[in-house]
Amino acid sequence: MTDYANFRQRLDAVLRTRDVKQVQDFLIAERQWSPGQPADPEFAMWMMIAGSATLRDLHGRAREWLISHGHEADADAVLRKEKRQGAKQAQQGKKQGRTPERGRKRP
């Protein structure tokens, strides 16, 4: 597994906790953040959750949090991009004669 893939897997596991302190501690330990940075770590955490394809089951919660805290435009930007990518992959599967739900060839 590449270093990035390993990091991403561990980050997603920490993001899944939705515990800002754990996310902050992890990213500081990984030298991705500095103490006190970013200014709004909770916002950053929810944006990372919204942007993670692995955490799709939390995208609804991320959208709710972002909108309720005045970040509707940010939520739309990240989550609409994710929807477009999913739709694009489904279209590519159809062009290749695959069923979108399983990725198998149609009979």
C-alpha atoms as a PDB file:
ATOM      1  CA  MET A   1       0.000   0.000   0.000  1.00  0.00           C
ATOM      2  CA  THR A   2       1.353   3.418  -0.883  1.00  0.00           C
ATOM      3  CA  ASP A   3       2.094   5.927   1.848  1.00  0.00           C
ATOM      4  CA  TYR A   4      -0.784   8.132   0.696  1.00  0.00           C
ATOM      5  CA  ALA A   5      -3.269   5.242   0.598  1.00  0.00           C
ATOM      6  CA  ASN A   6      -2.220   4.237   4.100  1.00  0.00           C
ATOM      7  CA  PHE A   7      -2.531   7.826   5.332  1.00  0.00           C
ATOM      8  CA  ARG A   8      -5.933   8.226   3.648  1.00  0.00           C
ATOM      9  CA  GLN A   9      -7.241   5.021   5.194  1.00  0.00           C
ATOM     10  CA  ARG A  10      -6.138   6.121   8.667  1.00  0.00           C
ATOM     11  CA  LEU A  11      -7.524   9.634   8.122  1.00  0.00           C
ATOM     12  CA  ASP A  12     -10.914   8.274   7.056  1.00  0.00           C
ATOM     13  CA  ALA A  13     -10.992   6.068  10.171  1.00  0.00           C
ATOM     14  CA  VAL A  14     -10.366   9.119  12.361  1.00  0.00           C
ATOM     15  CA  LEU A  15     -12.865  11.237  10.407  1.00  0.00           C
ATOM     16  CA  ARG A  16     -15.482   8.525  10.916  1.00  0.00           C
ATOM     17  CA  THR A  17     -15.343   9.253  14.676  1.00  0.00           C
ATOM     18  CA  ARG A  18     -16.530  12.830  13.973  1.00  0.00           C
ATOM     19  CA  ASP A  19     -14.406  13.866  16.963  1.00  0.00           C
ATOM     20  CA  VAL A  20     -12.743  17.186  16.130  1.00  0.00           C
ATOM     21  CA  LYS A  21     -10.057  16.723  18.790  1.00  0.00           C
ATOM     22  CA  GLN A  22      -9.070  13.295  17.443  1.00  0.00           C
ATOM     23  CA  VAL A  23      -8.973  14.605  13.869  1.00  0.00           C
ATOM     24  CA  GLN A  24      -6.918  17.604  14.962  1.00  0.00           C
ATOM     25  CA  ASP A  25      -4.475  15.470  16.985  1.00  0.00           C
ATOM     26  CA  PHE A  26      -4.070  13.012  14.101  1.00  0.00           C
ATOM     27  CA  LEU A  27      -3.400  15.702  11.498  1.00  0.00           C
ATOM     28  CA  ILE A  28      -0.957  17.526  13.766  1.00  0.00           C
ATOM     29  CA  ALA A  29       0.877  14.244  14.468  1.00  0.00           C
ATOM     30  CA  GLU A  30       1.006  13.611  10.703  1.00  0.00           C
ATOM     31  CA  ARG A  31       2.375  17.136  10.178  1.00  0.00           C
ATOM     32  CA  GLN A  32      -0.573  18.099   7.991  1.00  0.00           C
ATOM     33  CA  TRP A  33      -1.798  20.757  10.419  1.00  0.00           C
ATOM     34  CA  SER A  34      -0.077  22.985  12.942  1.00  0.00           C
ATOM     35  CA  PRO A  35      -1.427  23.671  16.432  1.00  0.00           C
ATOM     36  CA  GLY A  36      -4.093  26.354  16.072  1.00  0.00           C
ATOM     37  CA  GLN A  37      -4.439  25.760  12.340  1.00  0.00           C
ATOM     38  CA  PRO A  38      -6.839  25.723  10.649  1.00  0.00           C
ATOM     39  CA  ALA A  39      -8.791  28.434  12.413  1.00  0.00           C
ATOM     40  CA  ASP A  40     -12.010  26.371  12.273  1.00  0.00           C
ATOM     41  CA  PRO A  41     -11.057  22.688  12.610  1.00  0.00           C
ATOM     42  CA  GLU A  42     -14.678  21.537  12.898  1.00  0.00           C
ATOM     43  CA  PHE A  43     -15.528  23.102   9.539  1.00  0.00           C
ATOM     44  CA  ALA A  44     -12.391  21.514   8.044  1.00  0.00           C
ATOM     45  CA  MET A  45     -13.349  18.112   9.462  1.00  0.00           C
ATOM     46  CA  TRP A  46     -16.857  18.226   7.963  1.00  0.00           C
ATOM     47  CA  MET A  47     -15.468  19.374   4.611  1.00  0.00           C
ATOM     48  CA  MET A  48     -13.043  16.439   4.606  1.00  0.00           C
ATOM     49  CA  ILE A  49     -15.909  14.077   5.421  1.00  0.00           C
ATOM     50  CA  ALA A  50     -17.988  15.582   2.605  1.00  0.00           C
ATOM     51  CA  GLY A  51     -15.067  15.199   0.211  1.00  0.00           C
ATOM     52  CA  SER A  52     -14.274  11.580   1.055  1.00  0.00           C
ATOM     53  CA  ALA A  53     -15.730   8.974  -1.297  1.00  0.00           C
ATOM     54  CA  THR A  54     -15.152   6.365   1.417  1.00  0.00           C
ATOM     55  CA  LEU A  55     -17.380   8.227   3.863  1.00  0.00           C
ATOM     56  CA  ARG A  56     -20.462   8.548   1.636  1.00  0.00           C
ATOM     57  CA  ASP A  57     -22.638   7.256   4.461  1.00  0.00           C
ATOM     58  CA  LEU A  58     -21.741  10.441   6.394  1.00  0.00           C
ATOM     59  CA  HIS A  59     -22.323  12.889   3.533  1.00  0.00           C
ATOM     60  CA  GLY A  60     -25.884  13.639   4.676  1.00  0.00           C
ATOM     61  CA  ARG A  61     -24.655  14.537   8.156  1.00  0.00           C
ATOM     62  CA  ALA A  62     -21.854  16.612   6.678  1.00  0.00           C
ATOM     63  CA  ARG A  63     -24.345  18.512   4.504  1.00  0.00           C
ATOM     64  CA  GLU A  64     -26.609  19.139   7.509  1.00  0.00           C
ATOM     65  CA  TRP A  65     -23.728  20.427   9.640  1.00  0.00           C
ATOM     66  CA  LEU A  66     -22.294  22.609   6.903  1.00  0.00           C
ATOM     67  CA  ILE A  67     -25.641  24.176   6.011  1.00  0.00           C
ATOM     68  CA  SER A  68     -26.626  24.728   9.657  1.00  0.00           C
ATOM     69  CA  HIS A  69     -23.331  26.560  10.206  1.00  0.00           C
ATOM     70  CA  GLY A  70     -23.642  28.859   7.197  1.00  0.00           C
ATOM     71  CA  HIS A  71     -21.556  26.873   4.713  1.00  0.00           C
ATOM     72  CA  GLU A  72     -24.221  25.900   2.178  1.00  0.00           C
ATOM     73  CA  ALA A  73     -22.138  27.013  -0.811  1.00  0.00           C
ATOM     74  CA  ASP A  74     -19.205  24.910   0.392  1.00  0.00           C
ATOM     75  CA  ALA A  75     -21.455  21.884   0.936  1.00  0.00           C
ATOM     76  CA  ASP A  76     -22.945  22.277  -2.524  1.00  0.00           C
ATOM     77  CA  ALA A  77     -19.529  22.649  -4.147  1.00  0.00           C
ATOM     78  CA  VAL A  78     -18.090  19.500  -2.588  1.00  0.00           C
ATOM     79  CA  LEU A  79     -21.147  17.275  -2.532  1.00  0.00           C
ATOM     80  CA  ARG A  80     -22.391  18.157  -6.025  1.00  0.00           C
ATOM     81  CA  LYS A  81     -18.937  17.386  -7.395  1.00  0.00           C
ATOM     82  CA  GLU A  82     -19.166  13.964  -5.740  1.00  0.00           C
ATOM     83  CA  LYS A  83     -22.602  13.351  -7.279  1.00  0.00           C
ATOM     84  CA  ARG A  84     -21.353  14.359 -10.737  1.00  0.00           C
ATOM     85  CA  GLN A  85     -18.425  11.955 -10.451  1.00  0.00           C
ATOM     86  CA  GLY A  86     -20.752   9.131  -9.395  1.00  0.00           C
ATOM     87  CA  ALA A  87     -23.099   9.861 -12.292  1.00  0.00           C
ATOM     88  CA  LYS A  88     -20.164   9.997 -14.706  1.00  0.00           C
ATOM     89  CA  GLN A  89     -18.953   6.571 -13.505  1.00  0.00           C
ATOM     90  CA  ALA A  90     -22.456   5.134 -13.909  1.00  0.00           C
ATOM     91  CA  GLN A  91     -22.639   6.506 -17.467  1.00  0.00           C
ATOM     92  CA  GLN A  92     -19.265   4.972 -18.290  1.00  0.00           C
ATOM     93  CA  GLY A  93     -20.481   1.638 -16.946  1.00  0.00           C
ATOM     94  CA  LYS A  94     -23.567   1.798 -19.182  1.00  0.00           C
ATOM     95  CA  LYS A  95     -21.427   2.565 -22.233  1.00  0.00           C
ATOM     96  CA  GLN A  96     -19.341  -0.507 -21.470  1.00  0.00           C
ATOM     97  CA  GLY A  97     -22.467  -2.666 -21.127  1.00  0.00           C
ATOM     98  CA  ARG A  98     -22.194  -3.008 -17.372  1.00  0.00           C
ATOM     99  CA  THR A  99     -24.948  -2.818 -14.827  1.00  0.00           C
ATOM    100  CA  PRO A 100     -24.325   0.196 -12.578  1.00  0.00           C
ATOM    101  CA  GLU A 101     -25.166  -1.572  -9.335  1.00  0.00           C
ATOM    102  CA  ARG A 102     -22.707  -4.415  -9.718  1.00  0.00           C
ATOM    103  CA  GLY A 103     -20.302  -3.455 -12.470  1.00  0.00           C
ATOM    104  CA  ARG A 104     -21.046  -6.718 -14.295  1.00  0.00           C
ATOM    105  CA  LYS A 105     -21.668  -7.148 -17.983  1.00  0.00           C
ATOM    106  CA  ARG A 106     -25.284  -7.353 -18.996  1.00  0.00           C
ATOM    107  CA  PRO A 107     -26.478 -10.722 -20.365  1.00  0.00           C
END
